[in-house]
Amino acid sequence: MNKTLKQLLLQIDFDHQTTESLALQIAQNNNSVNKIKSLWEPMSCSIDHLPWLAWANGVNEWDDSWPEAVKREIVFNAFELHKYKGTRYAIEKVLAPFAITADISEWFEQIPEAKPGTFKLDVYSEQQSISEELAREIKKRLNQVDRKSVHLSGISLNLKSRAKLYFACASNLGEHIKIYPKTIIN
């Protein structure tokens, strides 16, 4: 208990009405604490406070035109991105809010082997069309998390679509056999 609450309890006449008002004050204080706590959680923070939370969590790029779900996911992933900065995982994670997947090939994985210290990025978009704006956004996001010791040698932008295809196959196999009665030969 803090000092002010102790003092308050010593001064209070413990009749029923005073106890109820004290309980109401404590409940209101707890509600205020919960409101403050929710300001630091990206999924429950109000949309008006989200840019400030992004800044506090170290988000480098922010665009007010992004959908709310993308903004919340970027703020939610900020600490993890800083933790894994410079890895393949970070590149995949930074592109995930935009529904983009990526295949990363470093110089020693390419055939024929590319210039040392470079990597190539194959980007696949499923939910949006490929545009110059998308390419700029990918490069901005990539510059936030890539290793500075390796350089991007090329980006390949690809559209990806999924469909359920049903294939069926049937086979019918059989033989005709004729059975004759046994004949006895003398």
N, C-alpha and C. Protein backbone atom coordinates (compact mmCIF):
# COMPACT_ATOMS: atom_id res chain seq x y z
N MET A 1 0.85 -1.20 0.00
CA MET A 1 0.00 0.00 0.00
C MET A 1 0.87 1.23 0.00
N ASN A 2 0.48 2.21 -0.78
CA ASN A 2 1.26 3.44 -0.77
C ASN A 2 0.81 4.33 0.40
N LYS A 3 1.59 5.34 0.68
CA LYS A 3 1.39 6.17 1.85
C LYS A 3 0.03 6.86 1.85
N THR A 4 -0.39 7.36 0.73
CA THR A 4 -1.65 8.09 0.67
C THR A 4 -2.84 7.17 0.97
N LEU A 5 -2.79 5.94 0.53
CA LEU A 5 -3.87 5.01 0.80
C LEU A 5 -3.91 4.65 2.29
N LYS A 6 -2.74 4.49 2.92
CA LYS A 6 -2.68 4.22 4.36
C LYS A 6 -3.29 5.38 5.14
N GLN A 7 -2.90 6.59 4.76
CA GLN A 7 -3.44 7.77 5.43
C GLN A 7 -4.95 7.85 5.25
N LEU A 8 -5.41 7.55 4.07
CA LEU A 8 -6.83 7.58 3.78
C LEU A 8 -7.58 6.57 4.64
N LEU A 9 -7.03 5.36 4.77
CA LEU A 9 -7.68 4.32 5.56
C LEU A 9 -7.72 4.68 7.05
N LEU A 10 -6.70 5.36 7.55
CA LEU A 10 -6.68 5.76 8.97
C LEU A 10 -7.70 6.85 9.25
N GLN A 11 -7.95 7.70 8.27
CA GLN A 11 -8.87 8.82 8.47
C GLN A 11 -10.32 8.45 8.23
N ILE A 12 -10.56 7.31 7.61
CA ILE A 12 -11.93 6.97 7.21
C ILE A 12 -12.68 6.32 8.36
N ASP A 13 -13.93 6.75 8.50
CA ASP A 13 -14.85 6.09 9.42
C ASP A 13 -15.43 4.93 8.61
N PHE A 14 -15.24 3.69 9.09
CA PHE A 14 -15.56 2.52 8.29
C PHE A 14 -17.05 2.17 8.29
N ASP A 15 -17.87 3.10 7.98
CA ASP A 15 -19.26 2.73 7.79
C ASP A 15 -19.45 2.25 6.35
N HIS A 16 -20.59 1.77 6.06
CA HIS A 16 -20.86 1.11 4.78
C HIS A 16 -20.69 2.06 3.59
N GLN A 17 -21.19 3.28 3.71
CA GLN A 17 -21.14 4.22 2.60
C GLN A 17 -19.69 4.60 2.26
N THR A 18 -18.88 4.81 3.26
CA THR A 18 -17.49 5.18 3.02
C THR A 18 -16.72 4.03 2.38
N THR A 19 -16.99 2.81 2.78
CA THR A 19 -16.33 1.65 2.21
C THR A 19 -16.66 1.51 0.72
N GLU A 20 -17.93 1.76 0.39
CA GLU A 20 -18.33 1.69 -1.02
C GLU A 20 -17.64 2.77 -1.85
N SER A 21 -17.52 3.97 -1.34
CA SER A 21 -16.87 5.05 -2.09
C SER A 21 -15.38 4.76 -2.26
N LEU A 22 -14.76 4.17 -1.22
CA LEU A 22 -13.35 3.80 -1.32
C LEU A 22 -13.16 2.72 -2.39
N ALA A 23 -14.04 1.73 -2.42
CA ALA A 23 -13.96 0.68 -3.43
C ALA A 23 -14.13 1.26 -4.83
N LEU A 24 -15.02 2.24 -4.97
CA LEU A 24 -15.24 2.89 -6.26
C LEU A 24 -13.99 3.64 -6.71
N GLN A 25 -13.32 4.35 -5.78
CA GLN A 25 -12.10 5.08 -6.13
C GLN A 25 -10.98 4.12 -6.55
N ILE A 26 -10.85 3.01 -5.85
CA ILE A 26 -9.82 2.03 -6.19
C ILE A 26 -10.11 1.42 -7.57
N ALA A 27 -11.38 1.14 -7.85
CA ALA A 27 -11.76 0.57 -9.15
C ALA A 27 -11.46 1.57 -10.27
N GLN A 28 -11.72 2.86 -10.03
CA GLN A 28 -11.43 3.87 -11.04
C GLN A 28 -9.93 3.98 -11.30
N ASN A 29 -9.13 3.87 -10.24
CA ASN A 29 -7.68 3.92 -10.40
C ASN A 29 -7.18 2.71 -11.19
N ASN A 30 -7.74 1.53 -10.91
CA ASN A 30 -7.35 0.33 -11.66
C ASN A 30 -7.72 0.47 -13.13
N ASN A 31 -8.89 1.08 -13.41
CA ASN A 31 -9.31 1.30 -14.78
C ASN A 31 -8.34 2.22 -15.50
N SER A 32 -7.84 3.25 -14.82
CA SER A 32 -6.87 4.17 -15.41
C SER A 32 -5.56 3.44 -15.71
N VAL A 33 -5.16 2.57 -14.79
CA VAL A 33 -3.93 1.80 -15.00
C VAL A 33 -4.10 0.90 -16.22
N ASN A 34 -5.25 0.27 -16.37
CA ASN A 34 -5.49 -0.59 -17.54
C ASN A 34 -5.49 0.20 -18.83
N LYS A 35 -6.01 1.43 -18.79
CA LYS A 35 -5.99 2.28 -19.98
C LYS A 35 -4.56 2.62 -20.38
N ILE A 36 -3.73 2.93 -19.39
CA ILE A 36 -2.33 3.25 -19.67
C ILE A 36 -1.61 2.01 -20.20
N LYS A 37 -1.90 0.86 -19.60
CA LYS A 37 -1.28 -0.39 -20.05
C LYS A 37 -1.64 -0.69 -21.50
N SER A 38 -2.90 -0.43 -21.88
CA SER A 38 -3.33 -0.73 -23.25
C SER A 38 -2.66 0.19 -24.27
N LEU A 39 -2.15 1.34 -23.85
CA LEU A 39 -1.45 2.23 -24.78
C LEU A 39 -0.14 1.63 -25.27
N TRP A 40 0.41 0.68 -24.52
CA TRP A 40 1.69 0.07 -24.88
C TRP A 40 1.52 -1.26 -25.60
N GLU A 41 0.31 -1.65 -25.89
CA GLU A 41 0.05 -2.91 -26.60
C GLU A 41 -0.47 -2.58 -28.01
N PRO A 42 0.26 -2.98 -29.04
CA PRO A 42 -0.12 -2.59 -30.41
C PRO A 42 -1.50 -3.06 -30.85
N MET A 43 -1.94 -4.20 -30.34
CA MET A 43 -3.23 -4.73 -30.79
C MET A 43 -4.42 -4.07 -30.08
N SER A 44 -4.18 -3.42 -28.94
CA SER A 44 -5.29 -2.78 -28.22
C SER A 44 -5.16 -1.26 -28.15
N CYS A 45 -4.06 -0.72 -28.61
CA CYS A 45 -3.84 0.73 -28.60
C CYS A 45 -4.81 1.40 -29.58
N SER A 46 -5.25 2.59 -29.22
CA SER A 46 -6.15 3.30 -30.14
C SER A 46 -5.37 3.68 -31.40
N ILE A 47 -6.06 3.79 -32.50
CA ILE A 47 -5.41 4.08 -33.78
C ILE A 47 -4.74 5.45 -33.76
N ASP A 48 -5.26 6.37 -32.95
CA ASP A 48 -4.67 7.71 -32.86
C ASP A 48 -3.30 7.68 -32.18
N HIS A 49 -3.11 6.76 -31.25
CA HIS A 49 -1.84 6.67 -30.52
C HIS A 49 -0.84 5.71 -31.17
N LEU A 50 -1.26 4.99 -32.19
CA LEU A 50 -0.41 3.98 -32.81
C LEU A 50 0.89 4.56 -33.41
N PRO A 51 0.87 5.72 -34.08
CA PRO A 51 2.14 6.27 -34.58
C PRO A 51 3.14 6.57 -33.46
N TRP A 52 2.63 7.01 -32.32
CA TRP A 52 3.52 7.30 -31.19
C TRP A 52 4.11 6.01 -30.62
N LEU A 53 3.31 4.97 -30.58
CA LEU A 53 3.80 3.68 -30.12
C LEU A 53 4.83 3.12 -31.11
N ALA A 54 4.59 3.33 -32.39
CA ALA A 54 5.55 2.89 -33.42
C ALA A 54 6.89 3.60 -33.21
N TRP A 55 6.84 4.89 -32.98
CA TRP A 55 8.06 5.65 -32.74
C TRP A 55 8.78 5.14 -31.49
N ALA A 56 8.03 4.86 -30.42
CA ALA A 56 8.62 4.37 -29.18
C ALA A 56 9.24 2.98 -29.35
N ASN A 57 8.68 2.17 -30.25
CA ASN A 57 9.19 0.81 -30.47
C ASN A 57 10.28 0.75 -31.54
N GLY A 58 10.66 1.89 -32.10
CA GLY A 58 11.76 1.92 -33.05
C GLY A 58 11.39 1.58 -34.47
N VAL A 59 10.14 1.81 -34.86
CA VAL A 59 9.74 1.59 -36.25
C VAL A 59 10.32 2.73 -37.08
N ASN A 60 11.09 2.39 -38.12
CA ASN A 60 11.80 3.40 -38.90
C ASN A 60 10.93 4.06 -39.96
N GLU A 61 10.07 3.30 -40.59
CA GLU A 61 9.22 3.81 -41.67
C GLU A 61 7.76 3.73 -41.25
N TRP A 62 7.01 4.80 -41.50
CA TRP A 62 5.59 4.84 -41.16
C TRP A 62 4.86 5.56 -42.26
N ASP A 63 3.73 5.00 -42.67
CA ASP A 63 2.93 5.61 -43.72
C ASP A 63 1.48 5.61 -43.25
N ASP A 64 0.88 6.78 -43.21
CA ASP A 64 -0.51 6.89 -42.73
C ASP A 64 -1.50 6.24 -43.69
N SER A 65 -1.09 5.97 -44.92
CA SER A 65 -2.01 5.37 -45.88
C SER A 65 -2.11 3.85 -45.74
N TRP A 66 -1.25 3.24 -44.92
CA TRP A 66 -1.34 1.80 -44.71
C TRP A 66 -2.65 1.44 -44.03
N PRO A 67 -3.20 0.27 -44.29
CA PRO A 67 -4.39 -0.17 -43.56
C PRO A 67 -4.05 -0.38 -42.07
N GLU A 68 -5.07 -0.29 -41.24
CA GLU A 68 -4.87 -0.40 -39.80
C GLU A 68 -4.21 -1.71 -39.40
N ALA A 69 -4.61 -2.80 -40.02
CA ALA A 69 -4.05 -4.12 -39.68
C ALA A 69 -2.55 -4.16 -39.97
N VAL A 70 -2.12 -3.55 -41.07
CA VAL A 70 -0.69 -3.51 -41.41
C VAL A 70 0.07 -2.69 -40.38
N LYS A 71 -0.48 -1.54 -40.00
CA LYS A 71 0.17 -0.68 -38.99
C LYS A 71 0.36 -1.44 -37.68
N ARG A 72 -0.68 -2.11 -37.24
CA ARG A 72 -0.59 -2.84 -35.96
C ARG A 72 0.43 -3.97 -36.04
N GLU A 73 0.47 -4.69 -37.16
CA GLU A 73 1.41 -5.79 -37.30
C GLU A 73 2.86 -5.29 -37.35
N ILE A 74 3.09 -4.15 -37.99
CA ILE A 74 4.43 -3.58 -38.05
C ILE A 74 4.91 -3.19 -36.66
N VAL A 75 4.05 -2.56 -35.87
CA VAL A 75 4.43 -2.18 -34.50
C VAL A 75 4.63 -3.43 -33.65
N PHE A 76 3.77 -4.41 -33.83
CA PHE A 76 3.87 -5.65 -33.06
C PHE A 76 5.19 -6.38 -33.34
N ASN A 77 5.64 -6.35 -34.59
CA ASN A 77 6.86 -7.07 -34.98
C ASN A 77 8.14 -6.25 -34.80
N ALA A 78 8.06 -5.01 -34.34
CA ALA A 78 9.22 -4.13 -34.30
C ALA A 78 10.37 -4.70 -33.47
N PHE A 79 10.10 -5.18 -32.26
CA PHE A 79 11.18 -5.69 -31.42
C PHE A 79 11.83 -6.93 -32.04
N GLU A 80 11.01 -7.80 -32.59
CA GLU A 80 11.53 -9.02 -33.19
C GLU A 80 12.40 -8.69 -34.41
N LEU A 81 12.00 -7.68 -35.19
CA LEU A 81 12.81 -7.29 -36.35
C LEU A 81 14.17 -6.76 -35.91
N HIS A 82 14.18 -5.97 -34.85
CA HIS A 82 15.46 -5.45 -34.35
C HIS A 82 16.33 -6.59 -33.82
N LYS A 83 15.71 -7.58 -33.25
CA LYS A 83 16.43 -8.72 -32.69
C LYS A 83 17.11 -9.54 -33.78
N TYR A 84 16.45 -9.72 -34.94
CA TYR A 84 16.96 -10.56 -36.01
C TYR A 84 17.44 -9.76 -37.22
N LYS A 85 17.71 -8.50 -37.03
CA LYS A 85 18.15 -7.65 -38.13
C LYS A 85 19.37 -8.25 -38.84
N GLY A 86 19.33 -8.26 -40.16
CA GLY A 86 20.45 -8.78 -40.93
C GLY A 86 20.31 -10.25 -41.30
N THR A 87 19.19 -10.87 -40.97
CA THR A 87 19.00 -12.29 -41.27
C THR A 87 17.91 -12.45 -42.33
N ARG A 88 17.84 -13.65 -42.89
CA ARG A 88 16.78 -13.96 -43.85
C ARG A 88 15.41 -13.83 -43.19
N TYR A 89 15.35 -14.28 -41.95
CA TYR A 89 14.08 -14.22 -41.21
C TYR A 89 13.58 -12.79 -41.13
N ALA A 90 14.46 -11.84 -40.86
CA ALA A 90 14.05 -10.44 -40.75
C ALA A 90 13.51 -9.92 -42.08
N ILE A 91 14.14 -10.32 -43.17
CA ILE A 91 13.67 -9.87 -44.49
C ILE A 91 12.28 -10.44 -44.76
N GLU A 92 12.07 -11.71 -44.46
CA GLU A 92 10.75 -12.32 -44.66
C GLU A 92 9.71 -11.68 -43.76
N LYS A 93 10.09 -11.39 -42.51
CA LYS A 93 9.16 -10.82 -41.52
C LYS A 93 8.77 -9.39 -41.87
N VAL A 94 9.72 -8.61 -42.41
CA VAL A 94 9.42 -7.21 -42.72
C VAL A 94 8.49 -7.10 -43.93
N LEU A 95 8.49 -8.10 -44.80
CA LEU A 95 7.61 -8.07 -45.97
C LEU A 95 6.26 -8.72 -45.70
N ALA A 96 6.15 -9.50 -44.64
CA ALA A 96 4.93 -10.25 -44.34
C ALA A 96 3.68 -9.38 -44.16
N PRO A 97 3.73 -8.22 -43.50
CA PRO A 97 2.50 -7.43 -43.36
C PRO A 97 1.88 -6.98 -44.69
N PHE A 98 2.68 -6.97 -45.74
CA PHE A 98 2.19 -6.56 -47.05
C PHE A 98 1.78 -7.75 -47.91
N ALA A 99 1.68 -8.93 -47.30
CA ALA A 99 1.30 -10.17 -48.00
C ALA A 99 2.27 -10.47 -49.14
N ILE A 100 3.55 -10.31 -48.84
CA ILE A 100 4.60 -10.57 -49.82
C ILE A 100 5.53 -11.63 -49.25
N THR A 101 5.85 -12.63 -50.06
CA THR A 101 6.83 -13.63 -49.66
C THR A 101 8.08 -13.43 -50.49
N ALA A 102 9.21 -13.90 -49.96
CA ALA A 102 10.48 -13.68 -50.65
C ALA A 102 11.36 -14.91 -50.58
N ASP A 103 12.08 -15.14 -51.67
CA ASP A 103 13.14 -16.15 -51.71
C ASP A 103 14.45 -15.40 -51.84
N ILE A 104 15.36 -15.66 -50.92
CA ILE A 104 16.63 -14.96 -50.88
C ILE A 104 17.73 -15.92 -51.31
N SER A 105 18.55 -15.50 -52.28
CA SER A 105 19.68 -16.32 -52.72
C SER A 105 20.95 -15.50 -52.57
N GLU A 106 21.83 -15.97 -51.70
CA GLU A 106 23.12 -15.29 -51.56
C GLU A 106 24.04 -15.71 -52.69
N TRP A 107 25.14 -15.00 -52.84
CA TRP A 107 26.02 -15.18 -53.99
C TRP A 107 26.52 -16.61 -54.15
N PHE A 108 26.78 -17.29 -53.05
CA PHE A 108 27.32 -18.65 -53.13
C PHE A 108 26.23 -19.69 -53.39
N GLU A 109 24.94 -19.31 -53.32
CA GLU A 109 23.84 -20.22 -53.59
C GLU A 109 23.35 -20.15 -55.04
N GLN A 110 23.80 -19.14 -55.76
CA GLN A 110 23.32 -18.93 -57.13
C GLN A 110 24.15 -19.76 -58.11
N ILE A 111 23.50 -20.19 -59.18
CA ILE A 111 24.20 -20.94 -60.22
C ILE A 111 24.05 -20.16 -61.52
N PRO A 112 25.08 -19.70 -62.13
CA PRO A 112 26.47 -19.74 -61.69
C PRO A 112 26.68 -18.80 -60.52
N GLU A 113 27.75 -19.04 -59.78
CA GLU A 113 28.04 -18.26 -58.58
C GLU A 113 28.17 -16.78 -58.93
N ALA A 114 27.50 -15.95 -58.13
CA ALA A 114 27.49 -14.51 -58.40
C ALA A 114 28.69 -13.83 -57.73
N LYS A 115 28.74 -12.52 -57.85
CA LYS A 115 29.81 -11.73 -57.25
C LYS A 115 29.73 -11.86 -55.73
N PRO A 116 30.85 -12.14 -55.07
CA PRO A 116 30.85 -12.28 -53.60
C PRO A 116 30.32 -11.02 -52.91
N GLY A 117 29.56 -11.24 -51.83
CA GLY A 117 29.02 -10.13 -51.06
C GLY A 117 27.72 -9.57 -51.61
N THR A 118 27.03 -10.35 -52.46
CA THR A 118 25.75 -9.90 -53.02
C THR A 118 24.68 -10.94 -52.75
N PHE A 119 23.44 -10.50 -52.89
CA PHE A 119 22.31 -11.42 -52.80
C PHE A 119 21.22 -10.97 -53.75
N LYS A 120 20.39 -11.91 -54.12
CA LYS A 120 19.28 -11.66 -55.05
C LYS A 120 17.98 -11.96 -54.33
N LEU A 121 16.96 -11.19 -54.62
CA LEU A 121 15.68 -11.34 -53.95
C LEU A 121 14.59 -11.61 -54.98
N ASP A 122 13.89 -12.73 -54.83
CA ASP A 122 12.73 -13.04 -55.65
C ASP A 122 11.50 -12.80 -54.78
N VAL A 123 10.69 -11.84 -55.17
CA VAL A 123 9.53 -11.42 -54.39
C VAL A 123 8.27 -11.92 -55.06
N TYR A 124 7.36 -12.48 -54.25
CA TYR A 124 6.09 -13.00 -54.76
C TYR A 124 4.93 -12.30 -54.07
N SER A 125 4.07 -11.70 -54.87
CA SER A 125 2.90 -11.00 -54.35
C SER A 125 1.65 -11.76 -54.75
N GLU A 126 0.78 -11.99 -53.76
CA GLU A 126 -0.47 -12.72 -54.04
C GLU A 126 -1.68 -11.81 -54.04
N GLN A 127 -1.69 -10.80 -53.18
CA GLN A 127 -2.92 -10.03 -52.96
C GLN A 127 -2.91 -8.66 -53.60
N GLN A 128 -1.83 -8.27 -54.21
CA GLN A 128 -1.78 -6.95 -54.83
C GLN A 128 -1.00 -7.02 -56.13
N SER A 129 -1.26 -6.06 -56.99
CA SER A 129 -0.58 -6.05 -58.27
C SER A 129 0.83 -5.48 -58.12
N ILE A 130 1.67 -5.79 -59.06
CA ILE A 130 3.04 -5.29 -59.04
C ILE A 130 3.04 -3.89 -59.63
N SER A 131 3.62 -2.97 -58.91
CA SER A 131 3.69 -1.59 -59.38
C SER A 131 5.02 -0.98 -58.95
N GLU A 132 5.28 0.20 -59.47
CA GLU A 132 6.51 0.90 -59.09
C GLU A 132 6.48 1.28 -57.61
N GLU A 133 5.29 1.61 -57.13
CA GLU A 133 5.13 1.95 -55.71
C GLU A 133 5.45 0.74 -54.82
N LEU A 134 5.02 -0.44 -55.24
CA LEU A 134 5.32 -1.66 -54.49
C LEU A 134 6.82 -1.93 -54.47
N ALA A 135 7.49 -1.73 -55.59
CA ALA A 135 8.94 -1.93 -55.66
C ALA A 135 9.67 -0.96 -54.73
N ARG A 136 9.22 0.29 -54.71
CA ARG A 136 9.84 1.27 -53.79
C ARG A 136 9.63 0.87 -52.34
N GLU A 137 8.41 0.41 -52.03
CA GLU A 137 8.09 -0.01 -50.65
C GLU A 137 8.96 -1.20 -50.24
N ILE A 138 9.14 -2.14 -51.14
CA ILE A 138 9.98 -3.30 -50.84
C ILE A 138 11.42 -2.87 -50.56
N LYS A 139 11.95 -1.97 -51.39
CA LYS A 139 13.33 -1.51 -51.18
C LYS A 139 13.47 -0.76 -49.86
N LYS A 140 12.48 0.07 -49.52
CA LYS A 140 12.53 0.79 -48.24
C LYS A 140 12.53 -0.18 -47.07
N ARG A 141 11.62 -1.15 -47.13
CA ARG A 141 11.52 -2.14 -46.04
C ARG A 141 12.78 -2.99 -45.96
N LEU A 142 13.35 -3.32 -47.11
CA LEU A 142 14.55 -4.13 -47.16
C LEU A 142 15.75 -3.39 -46.56
N ASN A 143 15.87 -2.10 -46.85
CA ASN A 143 16.97 -1.31 -46.31
C ASN A 143 16.95 -1.21 -44.79
N GLN A 144 15.79 -1.44 -44.19
CA GLN A 144 15.69 -1.39 -42.73
C GLN A 144 16.34 -2.59 -42.07
N VAL A 145 16.32 -3.75 -42.72
CA VAL A 145 16.72 -4.98 -42.02
C VAL A 145 17.85 -5.75 -42.67
N ASP A 146 18.31 -5.36 -43.86
CA ASP A 146 19.35 -6.17 -44.50
C ASP A 146 20.70 -5.93 -43.86
N ARG A 147 21.61 -6.91 -44.05
CA ARG A 147 22.98 -6.76 -43.57
C ARG A 147 23.67 -5.73 -44.43
N LYS A 148 24.42 -4.87 -43.83
CA LYS A 148 25.10 -3.84 -44.60
C LYS A 148 26.38 -4.36 -45.24
N SER A 149 26.79 -5.58 -44.88
CA SER A 149 28.00 -6.16 -45.46
C SER A 149 27.72 -6.84 -46.80
N VAL A 150 26.46 -7.06 -47.13
CA VAL A 150 26.10 -7.63 -48.43
C VAL A 150 25.20 -6.65 -49.17
N HIS A 151 25.24 -6.71 -50.48
CA HIS A 151 24.49 -5.74 -51.29
C HIS A 151 23.51 -6.46 -52.20
N LEU A 152 22.41 -5.83 -52.42
CA LEU A 152 21.36 -6.37 -53.28
C LEU A 152 21.80 -6.29 -54.73
N SER A 153 21.84 -7.43 -55.42
CA SER A 153 22.24 -7.43 -56.83
C SER A 153 21.03 -7.36 -57.75
N GLY A 154 19.85 -7.73 -57.25
CA GLY A 154 18.67 -7.67 -58.11
C GLY A 154 17.41 -8.11 -57.38
N ILE A 155 16.30 -7.53 -57.81
CA ILE A 155 14.99 -7.92 -57.28
C ILE A 155 14.16 -8.42 -58.45
N SER A 156 13.54 -9.55 -58.27
CA SER A 156 12.63 -10.09 -59.27
C SER A 156 11.23 -10.05 -58.67
N LEU A 157 10.34 -9.26 -59.28
CA LEU A 157 8.96 -9.14 -58.80
C LEU A 157 8.09 -10.14 -59.55
N ASN A 158 7.35 -10.95 -58.81
CA ASN A 158 6.54 -12.00 -59.42
C ASN A 158 5.14 -12.00 -58.82
N LEU A 159 4.17 -12.30 -59.65
CA LEU A 159 2.81 -12.52 -59.18
C LEU A 159 2.64 -14.00 -58.88
N LYS A 160 1.90 -14.29 -57.84
CA LYS A 160 1.70 -15.68 -57.45
C LYS A 160 0.20 -15.88 -57.24
N SER A 161 -0.31 -16.93 -57.78
CA SER A 161 -1.73 -17.23 -57.57
C SER A 161 -1.87 -18.68 -57.15
N ARG A 162 -2.89 -18.92 -56.38
CA ARG A 162 -3.15 -20.27 -55.90
C ARG A 162 -4.54 -20.68 -56.35
N ALA A 163 -4.65 -21.93 -56.69
CA ALA A 163 -5.95 -22.47 -57.08
C ALA A 163 -6.01 -23.93 -56.66
N LYS A 164 -7.19 -24.37 -56.37
CA LYS A 164 -7.37 -25.78 -56.06
C LYS A 164 -7.69 -26.50 -57.36
N LEU A 165 -6.86 -27.40 -57.70
CA LEU A 165 -7.08 -28.19 -58.91
C LEU A 165 -7.40 -29.61 -58.48
N TYR A 166 -8.39 -30.15 -59.11
CA TYR A 166 -8.79 -31.52 -58.80
C TYR A 166 -8.50 -32.40 -60.00
N PHE A 167 -7.76 -33.44 -59.79
CA PHE A 167 -7.46 -34.40 -60.83
C PHE A 167 -8.04 -35.74 -60.42
N ALA A 168 -8.52 -36.45 -61.40
CA ALA A 168 -9.05 -37.79 -61.12
C ALA A 168 -8.54 -38.74 -62.18
N CYS A 169 -8.42 -39.94 -61.79
CA CYS A 169 -7.95 -40.95 -62.72
C CYS A 169 -8.70 -42.24 -62.39
N ALA A 170 -9.11 -42.94 -63.41
CA ALA A 170 -9.80 -44.21 -63.20
C ALA A 170 -9.16 -45.26 -64.08
N SER A 171 -9.14 -46.42 -63.59
CA SER A 171 -8.55 -47.51 -64.35
C SER A 171 -9.47 -48.72 -64.24
N ASN A 172 -9.63 -49.37 -65.33
CA ASN A 172 -10.46 -50.57 -65.34
C ASN A 172 -9.63 -51.66 -66.00
N LEU A 173 -9.41 -52.71 -65.30
CA LEU A 173 -8.56 -53.77 -65.80
C LEU A 173 -9.29 -55.09 -65.62
N GLY A 174 -9.24 -55.89 -66.62
CA GLY A 174 -9.89 -57.18 -66.49
C GLY A 174 -9.43 -58.13 -67.60
N GLU A 175 -9.73 -59.38 -67.45
CA GLU A 175 -9.39 -60.38 -68.46
C GLU A 175 -10.61 -61.26 -68.70
N HIS A 176 -10.72 -61.74 -69.91
CA HIS A 176 -11.78 -62.69 -70.24
C HIS A 176 -11.16 -64.08 -70.23
N ILE A 177 -11.71 -64.93 -69.46
CA ILE A 177 -11.22 -66.31 -69.38
C ILE A 177 -12.38 -67.24 -69.73
N LYS A 178 -12.10 -68.16 -70.62
CA LYS A 178 -13.12 -69.16 -70.96
C LYS A 178 -12.69 -70.48 -70.34
N ILE A 179 -13.59 -71.12 -69.67
CA ILE A 179 -13.29 -72.40 -69.05
C ILE A 179 -14.12 -73.45 -69.78
N TYR A 180 -13.42 -74.48 -70.32
CA TYR A 180 -14.08 -75.58 -71.05
C TYR A 180 -14.11 -76.78 -70.13
N PRO A 181 -15.07 -77.63 -70.38
CA PRO A 181 -15.11 -78.84 -69.57
C PRO A 181 -13.90 -79.74 -69.87
N LYS A 182 -13.53 -80.49 -68.89
CA LYS A 182 -12.35 -81.35 -69.02
C LYS A 182 -12.70 -82.49 -70.00
N THR A 183 -11.85 -82.68 -70.94
CA THR A 183 -12.06 -83.77 -71.90
C THR A 183 -10.97 -84.83 -71.69
N ILE A 184 -11.41 -86.04 -71.81
CA ILE A 184 -10.45 -87.14 -71.61
C ILE A 184 -10.06 -87.64 -72.99
N ILE A 185 -8.81 -87.70 -73.24
CA ILE A 185 -8.29 -88.15 -74.52
C ILE A 185 -7.76 -89.57 -74.32
N ASN A 186 -8.21 -90.54 -75.18
CA ASN A 186 -7.77 -91.93 -75.09
C ASN A 186 -6.53 -92.14 -75.85
